C-alpha cells in the first residue's frame, strides 16, 4: 500500500517538474519576444523622429503653398 502511494507521489512530482519546464520555456519565449518587440519599437521611434524632422524641414524650406502658388505649379510644364 505504501509503495502505491509513493509511486503516485513520484508520478505527481514528475508531472509538476514537466509542467515547470514547460512554463519556464514559455517565459523564456515571452522574454525573447518582448526584447525583439522593444528593439523594433526603438527602430520605429527613430524612424518617426527622422521623418518628423524631415517633414518639418521640408515645410520650412518650401513654406506653406497658397492656392495661387499651387495653381501656378500645376500650370508649369
Protein backbone atom coordinates (compact mmCIF):
# COMPACT_ATOMS: atom_id res chain seq x y z
CA UNK A 1 0.00 0.00 0.00
CA UNK A 2 2.79 2.41 0.90
CA UNK A 3 4.60 1.71 -2.39
CA UNK A 4 1.45 2.68 -4.35
CA UNK A 5 1.27 5.98 -2.51
CA UNK A 6 4.98 6.56 -3.09
CA UNK A 7 4.60 5.75 -6.80
CA UNK A 8 1.64 8.14 -7.09
CA UNK A 9 3.67 10.83 -5.33
CA UNK A 10 6.64 10.25 -7.66
CA UNK A 11 4.38 10.47 -10.72
CA UNK A 12 2.76 13.66 -9.44
CA UNK A 13 6.20 15.20 -8.77
CA UNK A 14 7.33 14.25 -12.29
CA UNK A 15 4.19 15.86 -13.75
CA UNK A 16 4.89 19.06 -11.81
CA UNK A 17 8.55 19.10 -12.93
CA UNK A 18 7.42 18.69 -16.54
CA UNK A 19 4.86 21.47 -16.14
CA UNK A 20 7.52 23.70 -14.56
CA UNK A 21 9.90 23.10 -17.52
CA UNK A 22 7.13 23.98 -19.97
CA UNK A 23 6.29 27.18 -18.06
CA UNK A 24 9.95 28.21 -17.86
CA UNK A 25 10.32 27.64 -21.63
CA UNK A 26 7.19 29.70 -22.25
CA UNK A 27 8.52 32.51 -20.05
CA UNK A 28 11.83 32.49 -21.93
CA UNK A 29 9.96 32.73 -25.22
CA UNK A 30 7.88 35.64 -23.92
CA UNK A 31 11.03 37.44 -22.73
CA UNK A 32 12.72 36.92 -26.11
CA UNK A 33 9.64 38.20 -27.93
CA UNK A 34 9.43 41.21 -25.60
CA UNK A 35 13.10 42.05 -26.32
CA UNK A 36 12.51 41.69 -30.06
CA UNK A 37 9.44 43.94 -29.91
CA UNK A 38 11.28 46.51 -27.76
CA UNK A 39 14.08 46.60 -30.36
CA UNK A 40 11.51 47.01 -33.12
CA UNK A 41 9.79 49.81 -31.19
CA UNK A 42 13.11 51.66 -30.86
CA UNK A 43 13.56 51.44 -34.64
CA UNK A 44 10.04 52.71 -35.29
CA UNK A 45 10.54 55.61 -32.87
CA UNK A 46 13.78 56.52 -34.63
CA UNK A 47 12.01 56.47 -37.99
CA UNK A 48 9.20 58.65 -36.61
CA UNK A 49 11.72 61.16 -35.33
CA UNK A 50 13.58 61.16 -38.63
CA UNK A 51 10.51 61.57 -40.81
CA UNK A 52 9.00 64.13 -38.45
CA UNK A 53 12.09 66.30 -38.69
CA UNK A 54 12.26 65.74 -42.45
CA UNK A 55 8.66 66.92 -42.79
CA UNK A 56 9.37 69.99 -40.64
CA UNK A 57 12.48 70.79 -42.72
CA UNK A 58 10.57 70.44 -45.98
CA UNK A 59 7.75 72.68 -44.74
CA UNK A 60 10.28 75.27 -43.58
CA UNK A 61 12.13 75.10 -46.92
CA UNK A 62 9.08 75.11 -49.15
CA UNK A 63 6.76 77.15 -46.99
CA UNK A 64 3.06 76.56 -46.99
CA UNK A 65 1.90 76.86 -50.55
CA UNK A 66 -1.13 79.06 -51.05
CA UNK A 67 -3.77 78.41 -53.67
CA UNK A 68 -2.12 80.70 -56.24
CA UNK A 69 1.28 79.01 -55.96
CA UNK A 70 -0.40 75.62 -56.15
CA UNK A 71 -2.26 76.60 -59.32
CA UNK A 72 0.87 78.08 -60.90
CA UNK A 73 2.85 74.93 -60.09
CA UNK A 74 0.21 72.88 -61.90
CA UNK A 75 0.50 75.08 -64.99
CA UNK A 76 4.27 74.66 -65.25
CA UNK A 77 5.39 72.12 -67.86
